[in-house]
């Protein structure tokens, strides 16, 4: 009788281990679908030996726009019914957002600066990073007026002739600069305090 009990306990333990390995009751299993043509995960590379910076860079280069959106740091900015300039804040969404209400937005700068709402962020990242040939060109600590939204680091990534600056604060991407400034402009002496990863 004792042998049968031990055998039953062993079988139950094995079943529990099997269920745990397979995700338990199935309610907590997470799957991720990779779009056709996506390269899938890349090995993590230590560009700077600053973990929170390298995490952002590796996530950007993996083309995982959803994970990038997860590590995005938003600003809380008062919206305006009829903004005339970037400094006026994002346009309010009527009737739910009265003039001056603070909303979460991401500053996206380039030829025309814009405030991006959270639900639009994956599309912004896909447009910038879901292409061949994207690579890290340089990483630096910004100097003086080049500090944006509390960014402690700026990473410059390139794809062909195009360049973008990723502003990173506390392991989060807090602003993205693309478009009108080339690599030389993004690495202007007035912007750079100290290089962590040199071109």
N, C-alpha and C. Protein backbone atom coordinates (compact mmCIF):
# COMPACT_ATOMS: atom_id res chain seq x y z
N UNK A 1 0.83 -1.18 0.00
CA UNK A 1 0.00 0.00 0.00
C UNK A 1 0.87 1.25 0.00
N UNK A 2 1.96 1.23 0.77
CA UNK A 2 2.85 2.37 0.83
C UNK A 2 3.50 2.61 -0.52
N UNK A 3 3.86 1.48 -1.24
CA UNK A 3 4.48 1.61 -2.55
C UNK A 3 3.54 2.29 -3.53
N UNK A 4 2.25 1.90 -3.51
CA UNK A 4 1.27 2.50 -4.42
C UNK A 4 1.13 3.99 -4.13
N UNK A 5 1.14 4.38 -2.84
CA UNK A 5 1.01 5.80 -2.49
C UNK A 5 2.21 6.60 -2.99
N UNK A 6 3.40 6.02 -2.80
CA UNK A 6 4.61 6.70 -3.26
C UNK A 6 4.58 6.84 -4.78
N UNK A 7 4.13 5.76 -5.45
CA UNK A 7 4.04 5.80 -6.92
C UNK A 7 3.05 6.86 -7.37
N UNK A 8 1.92 6.97 -6.67
CA UNK A 8 0.90 7.96 -7.05
C UNK A 8 1.43 9.38 -6.83
N UNK A 9 2.13 9.57 -5.69
CA UNK A 9 2.71 10.89 -5.40
C UNK A 9 3.73 11.25 -6.47
N UNK A 10 4.54 10.29 -6.88
CA UNK A 10 5.54 10.53 -7.92
C UNK A 10 4.89 10.91 -9.23
N UNK A 11 3.80 10.22 -9.58
CA UNK A 11 3.10 10.53 -10.83
C UNK A 11 2.50 11.93 -10.80
N UNK A 12 1.91 12.30 -9.66
CA UNK A 12 1.34 13.63 -9.52
C UNK A 12 2.43 14.69 -9.62
N UNK A 13 3.57 14.45 -8.95
CA UNK A 13 4.68 15.41 -9.00
C UNK A 13 5.18 15.57 -10.43
N UNK A 14 5.28 14.47 -11.16
CA UNK A 14 5.74 14.54 -12.55
C UNK A 14 4.77 15.33 -13.40
N UNK A 15 3.46 15.13 -13.16
CA UNK A 15 2.45 15.86 -13.92
C UNK A 15 2.52 17.35 -13.64
N UNK A 16 2.73 17.69 -12.35
CA UNK A 16 2.85 19.10 -11.99
C UNK A 16 4.05 19.74 -12.66
N UNK A 17 5.18 19.03 -12.66
CA UNK A 17 6.37 19.55 -13.31
C UNK A 17 6.16 19.72 -14.80
N UNK A 18 5.47 18.76 -15.43
CA UNK A 18 5.19 18.83 -16.85
C UNK A 18 4.29 20.02 -17.16
N UNK A 19 3.25 20.21 -16.33
CA UNK A 19 2.35 21.35 -16.54
C UNK A 19 3.09 22.67 -16.35
N UNK A 20 3.97 22.72 -15.35
CA UNK A 20 4.73 23.94 -15.10
C UNK A 20 5.63 24.25 -16.28
N UNK A 21 6.27 23.20 -16.82
CA UNK A 21 7.15 23.39 -17.96
C UNK A 21 6.38 23.84 -19.19
N UNK A 22 5.13 23.43 -19.30
CA UNK A 22 4.32 23.77 -20.46
C UNK A 22 3.47 25.01 -20.23
N UNK A 23 3.60 25.65 -19.09
CA UNK A 23 2.86 26.87 -18.85
C UNK A 23 1.68 26.70 -17.93
N UNK A 24 1.63 25.64 -17.16
CA UNK A 24 0.55 25.46 -16.18
C UNK A 24 -0.76 25.21 -16.85
N UNK A 25 -1.78 25.98 -16.49
CA UNK A 25 -3.11 25.73 -17.02
C UNK A 25 -3.32 26.42 -18.37
N UNK A 26 -2.28 27.04 -18.92
CA UNK A 26 -2.39 27.67 -20.23
C UNK A 26 -2.81 29.12 -20.16
N UNK A 27 -3.19 29.61 -18.99
CA UNK A 27 -3.64 30.99 -18.89
C UNK A 27 -2.50 32.00 -18.85
N UNK A 28 -1.30 31.53 -18.50
CA UNK A 28 -0.20 32.47 -18.37
C UNK A 28 0.88 32.28 -19.44
N UNK A 29 0.56 31.61 -20.53
CA UNK A 29 1.52 31.37 -21.60
C UNK A 29 1.51 32.57 -22.53
N UNK A 30 2.69 33.11 -22.80
CA UNK A 30 2.81 34.24 -23.72
C UNK A 30 3.49 33.77 -24.99
N UNK A 31 2.92 34.12 -26.11
CA UNK A 31 3.55 33.78 -27.39
C UNK A 31 3.78 35.08 -28.15
N UNK A 32 4.77 35.06 -29.01
CA UNK A 32 5.08 36.23 -29.82
C UNK A 32 5.20 35.77 -31.27
N UNK A 33 4.50 36.44 -32.15
CA UNK A 33 4.56 36.11 -33.57
C UNK A 33 5.54 37.05 -34.25
N UNK A 34 6.44 36.48 -35.03
CA UNK A 34 7.40 37.27 -35.79
C UNK A 34 6.85 37.46 -37.19
N UNK A 35 6.79 38.70 -37.62
CA UNK A 35 6.25 39.00 -38.94
C UNK A 35 7.14 38.41 -40.02
N UNK A 36 6.55 38.05 -41.17
CA UNK A 36 7.35 37.52 -42.27
C UNK A 36 8.44 38.52 -42.65
N UNK A 37 9.62 38.00 -42.87
CA UNK A 37 10.72 38.85 -43.27
C UNK A 37 11.50 39.44 -42.11
N UNK A 38 10.96 39.35 -40.90
CA UNK A 38 11.69 39.87 -39.74
C UNK A 38 12.85 38.95 -39.41
N UNK A 39 13.98 39.52 -39.01
CA UNK A 39 15.15 38.69 -38.76
C UNK A 39 15.07 37.92 -37.46
N UNK A 40 14.13 38.26 -36.59
CA UNK A 40 14.05 37.57 -35.31
C UNK A 40 15.07 38.13 -34.34
N UNK A 41 15.19 37.49 -33.17
CA UNK A 41 16.10 38.00 -32.14
C UNK A 41 17.54 38.02 -32.60
N UNK A 42 18.27 39.03 -32.19
CA UNK A 42 19.70 39.10 -32.45
C UNK A 42 20.43 38.88 -31.13
N UNK A 43 21.67 38.42 -31.20
CA UNK A 43 22.41 38.28 -29.94
C UNK A 43 22.65 39.66 -29.34
N UNK A 44 22.57 39.75 -28.02
CA UNK A 44 22.82 41.03 -27.36
C UNK A 44 24.28 41.42 -27.49
N UNK A 45 24.50 42.70 -27.78
CA UNK A 45 25.85 43.21 -27.96
C UNK A 45 26.09 44.29 -26.91
N UNK A 46 27.25 44.27 -26.30
CA UNK A 46 27.59 45.30 -25.32
C UNK A 46 28.32 46.44 -25.99
N UNK A 47 27.60 47.47 -26.39
CA UNK A 47 28.21 48.60 -27.06
C UNK A 47 28.91 49.53 -26.08
N UNK A 48 28.31 49.70 -24.91
CA UNK A 48 28.81 50.73 -23.98
C UNK A 48 29.18 50.18 -22.61
N UNK A 49 28.79 48.97 -22.30
CA UNK A 49 28.92 48.39 -20.96
C UNK A 49 28.06 49.14 -19.94
N UNK A 50 27.08 49.90 -20.42
CA UNK A 50 26.05 50.51 -19.57
C UNK A 50 24.77 49.74 -19.88
N UNK A 51 24.35 48.82 -18.99
CA UNK A 51 23.27 47.89 -19.31
C UNK A 51 21.99 48.55 -19.82
N UNK A 52 21.57 49.67 -19.20
CA UNK A 52 20.31 50.28 -19.61
C UNK A 52 20.40 50.89 -21.02
N UNK A 53 21.60 51.28 -21.44
CA UNK A 53 21.80 51.81 -22.80
C UNK A 53 21.83 50.66 -23.80
N UNK A 54 22.62 49.64 -23.47
CA UNK A 54 22.73 48.50 -24.38
C UNK A 54 21.39 47.79 -24.57
N UNK A 55 20.56 47.76 -23.54
CA UNK A 55 19.24 47.14 -23.67
C UNK A 55 18.41 47.88 -24.71
N UNK A 56 18.41 49.21 -24.67
CA UNK A 56 17.65 49.99 -25.65
C UNK A 56 18.19 49.75 -27.05
N UNK A 57 19.51 49.75 -27.20
CA UNK A 57 20.11 49.55 -28.52
C UNK A 57 19.80 48.17 -29.08
N UNK A 58 19.96 47.15 -28.26
CA UNK A 58 19.67 45.79 -28.73
C UNK A 58 18.20 45.61 -29.08
N UNK A 59 17.33 46.25 -28.32
CA UNK A 59 15.90 46.16 -28.62
C UNK A 59 15.59 46.85 -29.94
N UNK A 60 16.19 48.01 -30.17
CA UNK A 60 15.97 48.73 -31.44
C UNK A 60 16.45 47.90 -32.62
N UNK A 61 17.63 47.30 -32.49
CA UNK A 61 18.20 46.53 -33.60
C UNK A 61 17.50 45.19 -33.81
N UNK A 62 16.75 44.73 -32.82
CA UNK A 62 16.00 43.46 -32.97
C UNK A 62 14.70 43.68 -33.75
N UNK A 63 14.36 44.95 -34.04
CA UNK A 63 13.15 45.31 -34.79
C UNK A 63 11.87 44.98 -34.01
N UNK A 64 11.99 44.93 -32.71
CA UNK A 64 10.84 44.59 -31.87
C UNK A 64 10.16 45.88 -31.43
N UNK A 65 9.24 46.38 -32.27
CA UNK A 65 8.61 47.67 -32.00
C UNK A 65 7.71 47.62 -30.76
N UNK A 66 7.17 46.46 -30.44
CA UNK A 66 6.31 46.34 -29.25
C UNK A 66 7.16 46.45 -27.98
N UNK A 67 8.30 45.79 -27.97
CA UNK A 67 9.20 45.88 -26.81
C UNK A 67 9.77 47.29 -26.68
N UNK A 68 10.07 47.91 -27.82
CA UNK A 68 10.54 49.30 -27.78
C UNK A 68 9.48 50.21 -27.18
N UNK A 69 8.23 49.97 -27.56
CA UNK A 69 7.13 50.77 -26.99
C UNK A 69 7.04 50.57 -25.48
N UNK A 70 7.34 49.33 -25.03
CA UNK A 70 7.28 49.04 -23.60
C UNK A 70 8.34 49.81 -22.82
N UNK A 71 9.50 50.04 -23.43
CA UNK A 71 10.58 50.74 -22.72
C UNK A 71 10.65 52.22 -23.11
N UNK A 72 9.57 52.74 -23.65
CA UNK A 72 9.51 54.16 -23.99
C UNK A 72 9.12 54.97 -22.76
N UNK A 73 9.78 56.08 -22.57
CA UNK A 73 9.44 57.00 -21.49
C UNK A 73 8.67 58.18 -22.05
N UNK A 74 7.46 58.37 -21.59
CA UNK A 74 6.59 59.42 -22.09
C UNK A 74 6.69 60.69 -21.25
N UNK A 75 6.33 61.81 -21.86
CA UNK A 75 6.24 63.08 -21.17
C UNK A 75 4.76 63.36 -20.89
N UNK A 76 4.48 64.02 -19.79
CA UNK A 76 3.11 64.48 -19.52
C UNK A 76 3.07 65.97 -19.85
N UNK A 77 2.30 66.28 -20.90
CA UNK A 77 2.28 67.63 -21.45
C UNK A 77 0.84 68.09 -21.59
N UNK A 78 0.58 69.35 -21.27
CA UNK A 78 -0.75 69.89 -21.44
C UNK A 78 -1.10 70.01 -22.92
N UNK A 79 -2.27 69.52 -23.30
CA UNK A 79 -2.69 69.60 -24.70
C UNK A 79 -3.31 70.97 -24.97
N UNK A 80 -3.48 71.27 -26.25
CA UNK A 80 -4.07 72.55 -26.65
C UNK A 80 -5.11 72.29 -27.74
N UNK A 81 -6.20 73.03 -27.69
CA UNK A 81 -7.24 72.87 -28.71
C UNK A 81 -6.75 73.27 -30.09
N UNK A 82 -5.94 74.32 -30.15
CA UNK A 82 -5.42 74.79 -31.43
C UNK A 82 -3.94 75.17 -31.28
N UNK A 83 -3.07 74.15 -31.15
CA UNK A 83 -1.64 74.46 -30.98
C UNK A 83 -1.08 75.12 -32.24
N UNK A 84 -0.29 76.18 -32.03
CA UNK A 84 0.33 76.89 -33.15
C UNK A 84 1.79 76.46 -33.34
N UNK A 85 2.36 75.86 -32.31
CA UNK A 85 3.77 75.45 -32.37
C UNK A 85 3.96 74.22 -31.49
N UNK A 86 5.08 73.56 -31.67
CA UNK A 86 5.41 72.36 -30.89
C UNK A 86 5.34 72.64 -29.39
N UNK A 87 5.82 73.82 -28.99
CA UNK A 87 5.86 74.18 -27.57
C UNK A 87 4.47 74.31 -26.96
N UNK A 88 3.45 74.45 -27.80
CA UNK A 88 2.08 74.57 -27.29
C UNK A 88 1.53 73.23 -26.79
N UNK A 89 2.22 72.12 -27.14
CA UNK A 89 1.76 70.80 -26.74
C UNK A 89 0.97 70.13 -27.84
N UNK A 90 0.56 68.89 -27.60
CA UNK A 90 -0.21 68.15 -28.61
C UNK A 90 -1.63 68.67 -28.72
N UNK A 91 -2.28 68.37 -29.83
CA UNK A 91 -3.67 68.78 -29.99
C UNK A 91 -4.56 67.94 -29.09
N UNK A 92 -5.52 68.59 -28.45
CA UNK A 92 -6.46 67.88 -27.57
C UNK A 92 -7.42 67.03 -28.39
N UNK A 93 -7.81 65.91 -27.85
CA UNK A 93 -8.81 65.06 -28.48
C UNK A 93 -10.17 65.39 -27.87
N UNK A 94 -10.96 66.09 -28.62
CA UNK A 94 -12.29 66.48 -28.13
C UNK A 94 -13.25 65.30 -28.22
N UNK A 95 -14.22 65.20 -27.35
CA UNK A 95 -14.50 66.09 -26.23
C UNK A 95 -13.86 65.61 -24.93
N UNK A 96 -13.05 64.54 -24.99
CA UNK A 96 -12.53 63.92 -23.76
C UNK A 96 -11.40 64.71 -23.11
N UNK A 97 -10.69 65.53 -23.88
CA UNK A 97 -9.53 66.24 -23.36
C UNK A 97 -9.74 67.76 -23.46
N UNK A 98 -10.05 68.40 -22.36
CA UNK A 98 -10.19 69.86 -22.38
C UNK A 98 -8.84 70.54 -22.56
N UNK A 99 -8.85 71.75 -23.04
CA UNK A 99 -7.64 72.54 -23.24
C UNK A 99 -6.82 72.58 -21.95
N UNK A 100 -5.53 72.23 -22.06
CA UNK A 100 -4.63 72.27 -20.91
C UNK A 100 -4.50 70.95 -20.15
N UNK A 101 -5.34 69.96 -20.48
CA UNK A 101 -5.24 68.68 -19.76
C UNK A 101 -3.92 67.98 -20.11
N UNK A 102 -3.26 67.46 -19.09
CA UNK A 102 -2.00 66.75 -19.33
C UNK A 102 -2.27 65.39 -19.95
N UNK A 103 -1.51 65.06 -20.99
CA UNK A 103 -1.63 63.77 -21.67
C UNK A 103 -0.24 63.19 -21.85
N UNK A 104 -0.16 61.86 -22.01
CA UNK A 104 1.12 61.20 -22.23
C UNK A 104 1.47 61.25 -23.71
N UNK A 105 2.67 61.75 -24.00
CA UNK A 105 3.13 61.86 -25.38
C UNK A 105 4.63 61.60 -25.45
N UNK A 106 5.09 61.32 -26.66
CA UNK A 106 6.51 61.06 -26.92
C UNK A 106 7.01 62.13 -27.89
N UNK A 107 8.08 62.85 -27.54
CA UNK A 107 8.59 63.88 -28.44
C UNK A 107 9.41 63.27 -29.59
N UNK A 108 8.97 63.55 -30.80
CA UNK A 108 9.60 63.04 -32.02
C UNK A 108 10.04 64.25 -32.82
N UNK A 109 11.34 64.42 -33.01
CA UNK A 109 11.80 65.63 -33.70
C UNK A 109 12.50 65.29 -35.00
N UNK A 110 12.51 66.27 -35.87
CA UNK A 110 13.12 66.13 -37.18
C UNK A 110 12.87 67.40 -37.96
N UNK A 111 12.50 67.26 -39.23
CA UNK A 111 12.17 68.45 -40.02
C UNK A 111 10.98 69.15 -39.41
N UNK A 112 10.08 68.37 -38.85
CA UNK A 112 8.93 68.94 -38.15
C UNK A 112 8.77 68.18 -36.83
N UNK A 113 8.84 68.89 -35.72
CA UNK A 113 8.69 68.26 -34.42
C UNK A 113 7.23 67.87 -34.20
N UNK A 114 7.02 66.77 -33.47
CA UNK A 114 5.66 66.31 -33.25
C UNK A 114 5.58 65.58 -31.92
N UNK A 115 4.40 65.60 -31.34
CA UNK A 115 4.10 64.81 -30.15
C UNK A 115 3.38 63.56 -30.59
N UNK A 116 3.90 62.39 -30.21
CA UNK A 116 3.33 61.12 -30.64
C UNK A 116 2.59 60.48 -29.47
N UNK A 117 1.35 60.06 -29.71
CA UNK A 117 0.55 59.38 -28.69
C UNK A 117 1.03 57.93 -28.55
N UNK A 118 0.85 57.32 -27.36
CA UNK A 118 1.36 55.96 -27.12
C UNK A 118 0.92 54.92 -28.15
N UNK A 119 -0.32 54.99 -28.61
CA UNK A 119 -0.79 53.96 -29.55
C UNK A 119 -0.15 54.08 -30.93
N UNK A 120 0.49 55.23 -31.21
CA UNK A 120 1.16 55.43 -32.50
C UNK A 120 2.63 55.04 -32.46
N UNK A 121 3.15 54.80 -31.26
CA UNK A 121 4.58 54.57 -31.08
C UNK A 121 5.11 53.36 -31.87
N UNK A 122 4.45 52.18 -31.83
CA UNK A 122 5.00 51.06 -32.60
C UNK A 122 5.19 51.38 -34.08
N UNK A 123 4.28 52.14 -34.68
CA UNK A 123 4.42 52.50 -36.09
C UNK A 123 5.63 53.41 -36.32
N UNK A 124 5.87 54.33 -35.38
CA UNK A 124 7.04 55.21 -35.50
C UNK A 124 8.32 54.38 -35.45
N UNK A 125 8.38 53.42 -34.54
CA UNK A 125 9.58 52.58 -34.42
C UNK A 125 9.73 51.66 -35.62
N UNK A 126 8.62 51.11 -36.12
CA UNK A 126 8.72 50.25 -37.31
C UNK A 126 9.29 51.03 -38.49
N UNK A 127 8.81 52.25 -38.68
CA UNK A 127 9.30 53.07 -39.79
C UNK A 127 10.79 53.35 -39.67
N UNK A 128 11.28 53.49 -38.45
CA UNK A 128 12.68 53.84 -38.25
C UNK A 128 13.62 52.63 -38.21
N UNK A 129 13.18 51.53 -37.59
CA UNK A 129 14.12 50.44 -37.32
C UNK A 129 13.84 49.15 -38.10
N UNK A 130 12.66 49.00 -38.68
CA UNK A 130 12.36 47.74 -39.39
C UNK A 130 12.85 47.81 -40.82
N UNK A 131 14.17 47.85 -40.98
CA UNK A 131 14.78 47.90 -42.31
C UNK A 131 16.17 47.28 -42.22
N UNK A 132 16.71 46.95 -43.35
CA UNK A 132 18.04 46.34 -43.38
C UNK A 132 19.12 47.40 -43.19
N UNK A 133 20.20 46.98 -42.60
CA UNK A 133 21.37 47.85 -42.50
C UNK A 133 21.38 48.82 -41.35
N UNK A 134 20.43 48.73 -40.41
CA UNK A 134 20.44 49.63 -39.26
C UNK A 134 21.57 49.20 -38.32
N UNK A 135 22.40 50.15 -37.93
CA UNK A 135 23.50 49.83 -37.03
C UNK A 135 23.80 50.98 -36.09
N UNK A 136 24.43 50.65 -34.98
CA UNK A 136 24.84 51.67 -34.01
C UNK A 136 26.09 52.35 -34.54
N UNK A 137 26.05 53.66 -34.60
CA UNK A 137 27.18 54.43 -35.14
C UNK A 137 28.02 55.06 -34.02
N UNK A 138 27.34 55.58 -33.00
CA UNK A 138 28.04 56.21 -31.88
C UNK A 138 27.09 56.33 -30.70
N UNK A 139 27.68 56.41 -29.50
CA UNK A 139 26.92 56.66 -28.28
C UNK A 139 27.72 57.65 -27.46
N UNK A 140 27.02 58.68 -26.95
CA UNK A 140 27.72 59.68 -26.15
C UNK A 140 26.84 60.22 -25.04
N UNK A 141 27.50 60.86 -24.08
CA UNK A 141 26.75 61.63 -23.08
C UNK A 141 26.61 63.03 -23.66
N UNK A 142 25.39 63.59 -23.60
CA UNK A 142 25.17 64.90 -24.23
C UNK A 142 25.71 66.05 -23.39
N UNK A 143 26.09 67.11 -24.10
CA UNK A 143 26.64 68.29 -23.44
C UNK A 143 25.61 69.41 -23.39
N UNK A 144 25.55 70.08 -22.27
CA UNK A 144 24.78 71.31 -22.11
C UNK A 144 23.39 71.30 -22.72
N UNK A 145 23.22 72.13 -23.75
CA UNK A 145 21.91 72.31 -24.38
C UNK A 145 21.46 71.08 -25.17
N UNK A 146 22.34 70.11 -25.38
CA UNK A 146 21.97 68.91 -26.13
C UNK A 146 21.18 67.92 -25.29
N UNK A 147 21.09 68.16 -23.98
CA UNK A 147 20.31 67.28 -23.11
C UNK A 147 18.83 67.54 -23.37
N UNK A 148 18.11 66.51 -23.75
CA UNK A 148 16.68 66.63 -24.01
C UNK A 148 15.91 65.68 -23.11
N UNK A 149 14.90 66.19 -22.46
CA UNK A 149 13.99 65.38 -21.64
C UNK A 149 14.74 64.53 -20.63
N UNK A 150 15.81 65.11 -20.08
CA UNK A 150 16.58 64.44 -19.04
C UNK A 150 17.48 63.32 -19.55
N UNK A 151 17.67 63.22 -20.87
CA UNK A 151 18.47 62.13 -21.43
C UNK A 151 19.90 62.15 -20.89
N UNK A 152 20.34 60.99 -20.44
CA UNK A 152 21.71 60.85 -19.95
C UNK A 152 22.65 60.41 -21.05
N UNK A 153 22.08 59.79 -22.09
CA UNK A 153 22.87 59.26 -23.20
C UNK A 153 22.15 59.52 -24.52
N UNK A 154 22.94 59.64 -25.58
CA UNK A 154 22.39 59.75 -26.94
C UNK A 154 23.09 58.69 -27.79
N UNK A 155 22.29 57.88 -28.47
CA UNK A 155 22.83 56.88 -29.38
C UNK A 155 22.46 57.27 -30.80
N UNK A 156 23.43 57.27 -31.67
CA UNK A 156 23.20 57.59 -33.08
C UNK A 156 23.22 56.28 -33.85
N UNK A 157 22.12 56.01 -34.56
CA UNK A 157 22.04 54.82 -35.39
C UNK A 157 21.89 55.26 -36.84
N UNK A 158 22.42 54.44 -37.74
CA UNK A 158 22.36 54.78 -39.17
C UNK A 158 21.77 53.61 -39.95
N UNK A 159 21.21 53.96 -41.10
CA UNK A 159 20.75 52.98 -42.10
C UNK A 159 20.98 53.65 -43.44
N UNK A 160 22.03 53.23 -44.14
CA UNK A 160 22.38 53.90 -45.38
C UNK A 160 22.79 55.33 -45.10
N UNK A 161 22.16 56.27 -45.81
CA UNK A 161 22.48 57.69 -45.63
C UNK A 161 21.67 58.34 -44.51
N UNK A 162 20.73 57.61 -43.93
CA UNK A 162 19.86 58.17 -42.89
C UNK A 162 20.44 57.93 -41.50
N UNK A 163 20.19 58.90 -40.63
CA UNK A 163 20.67 58.78 -39.25
C UNK A 163 19.57 59.21 -38.30
N UNK A 164 19.62 58.65 -37.10
CA UNK A 164 18.64 59.01 -36.06
C UNK A 164 19.36 59.04 -34.72
N UNK A 165 18.88 59.90 -33.83
CA UNK A 165 19.42 59.98 -32.48
C UNK A 165 18.38 59.48 -31.50
N UNK A 166 18.78 58.53 -30.65
CA UNK A 166 17.92 57.99 -29.61
C UNK A 166 18.35 58.61 -28.29
N UNK A 167 17.44 59.30 -27.63
CA UNK A 167 17.73 59.94 -26.35
C UNK A 167 17.27 59.00 -25.24
N UNK A 168 18.21 58.61 -24.37
CA UNK A 168 17.96 57.56 -23.38
C UNK A 168 18.11 58.10 -21.97
N UNK A 169 17.09 57.85 -21.15
CA UNK A 169 17.12 58.23 -19.74
C UNK A 169 16.67 57.05 -18.90
N UNK A 170 17.54 56.62 -17.98
CA UNK A 170 17.20 55.56 -17.04
C UNK A 170 16.67 54.31 -17.74
N UNK A 171 17.30 53.91 -18.83
CA UNK A 171 16.91 52.69 -19.54
C UNK A 171 15.68 52.84 -20.41
N UNK A 172 15.22 54.07 -20.60
CA UNK A 172 14.03 54.30 -21.44
C UNK A 172 14.38 55.25 -22.58
N UNK A 173 13.73 55.02 -23.71
CA UNK A 173 13.89 55.89 -24.87
C UNK A 173 12.93 57.05 -24.70
N UNK A 174 13.45 58.26 -24.49
CA UNK A 174 12.60 59.40 -24.14
C UNK A 174 12.38 60.38 -25.29
N UNK A 175 13.14 60.25 -26.36
CA UNK A 175 12.92 61.08 -27.54
C UNK A 175 13.66 60.46 -28.72
N UNK A 176 13.16 60.75 -29.92
CA UNK A 176 13.76 60.23 -31.15
C UNK A 176 13.91 61.41 -32.11
N UNK A 177 15.12 61.62 -32.61
CA UNK A 177 15.38 62.70 -33.55
C UNK A 177 15.76 62.10 -34.90
N UNK A 178 15.01 62.41 -35.92
CA UNK A 178 15.26 61.87 -37.26
C UNK A 178 15.09 62.97 -38.29
N UNK A 179 15.52 62.65 -39.51
CA UNK A 179 15.14 63.52 -40.62
C UNK A 179 16.18 64.51 -41.06
N UNK A 180 16.05 65.74 -40.60
CA UNK A 180 16.79 66.85 -41.22
C UNK A 180 18.25 66.97 -40.82
N UNK A 181 18.69 66.28 -39.80
CA UNK A 181 20.08 66.39 -39.35
C UNK A 181 20.83 65.13 -39.75
N UNK A 182 21.96 65.29 -40.44
CA UNK A 182 22.75 64.12 -40.85
C UNK A 182 23.64 63.66 -39.70
N UNK A 183 24.44 62.62 -39.97
CA UNK A 183 25.29 62.06 -38.92
C UNK A 183 26.22 63.13 -38.35
N UNK A 184 26.81 63.93 -39.24
CA UNK A 184 27.72 64.98 -38.78
C UNK A 184 27.03 65.95 -37.84
N UNK A 185 25.78 66.31 -38.16
CA UNK A 185 25.04 67.22 -37.30
C UNK A 185 24.71 66.62 -35.96
N UNK A 186 24.40 65.32 -35.94
CA UNK A 186 24.07 64.63 -34.69
C UNK A 186 25.30 64.46 -33.80
N UNK A 187 26.49 64.56 -34.40
CA UNK A 187 27.73 64.40 -33.64
C UNK A 187 28.50 65.71 -33.53
N UNK A 188 27.81 66.82 -33.75
CA UNK A 188 28.44 68.14 -33.63
C UNK A 188 29.10 68.29 -32.26
N UNK A 189 30.24 68.97 -32.23
CA UNK A 189 30.99 69.13 -30.98
C UNK A 189 30.14 69.73 -29.87
N UNK A 190 29.21 70.61 -30.22
CA UNK A 190 28.38 71.26 -29.20
C UNK A 190 27.41 70.29 -28.54
N UNK A 191 27.18 69.15 -29.18
CA UNK A 191 26.25 68.16 -28.63
C UNK A 191 26.94 67.13 -27.73
N UNK A 192 28.22 66.88 -27.99
CA UNK A 192 28.92 65.74 -27.37
C UNK A 192 29.75 66.16 -26.17
N UNK A 193 29.49 65.52 -25.04
CA UNK A 193 30.32 65.70 -23.86
C UNK A 193 31.42 64.66 -23.84
N UNK A 194 31.03 63.38 -23.98
CA UNK A 194 31.99 62.29 -23.91
C UNK A 194 31.47 61.08 -24.68
N UNK A 195 32.30 60.47 -25.50
CA UNK A 195 31.90 59.28 -26.25
C UNK A 195 32.02 58.02 -25.40
N UNK A 196 30.98 57.18 -25.46
CA UNK A 196 31.04 55.84 -24.87
C UNK A 196 31.32 54.81 -25.96
N UNK A 197 30.86 55.11 -27.16
CA UNK A 197 31.06 54.24 -28.32
C UNK A 197 31.35 55.18 -29.49
N UNK A 198 32.60 55.14 -30.00
CA UNK A 198 32.99 56.12 -31.00
C UNK A 198 32.77 55.63 -32.41
N UNK A 199 32.46 56.57 -33.32
CA UNK A 199 32.30 56.19 -34.73
C UNK A 199 33.62 55.74 -35.33
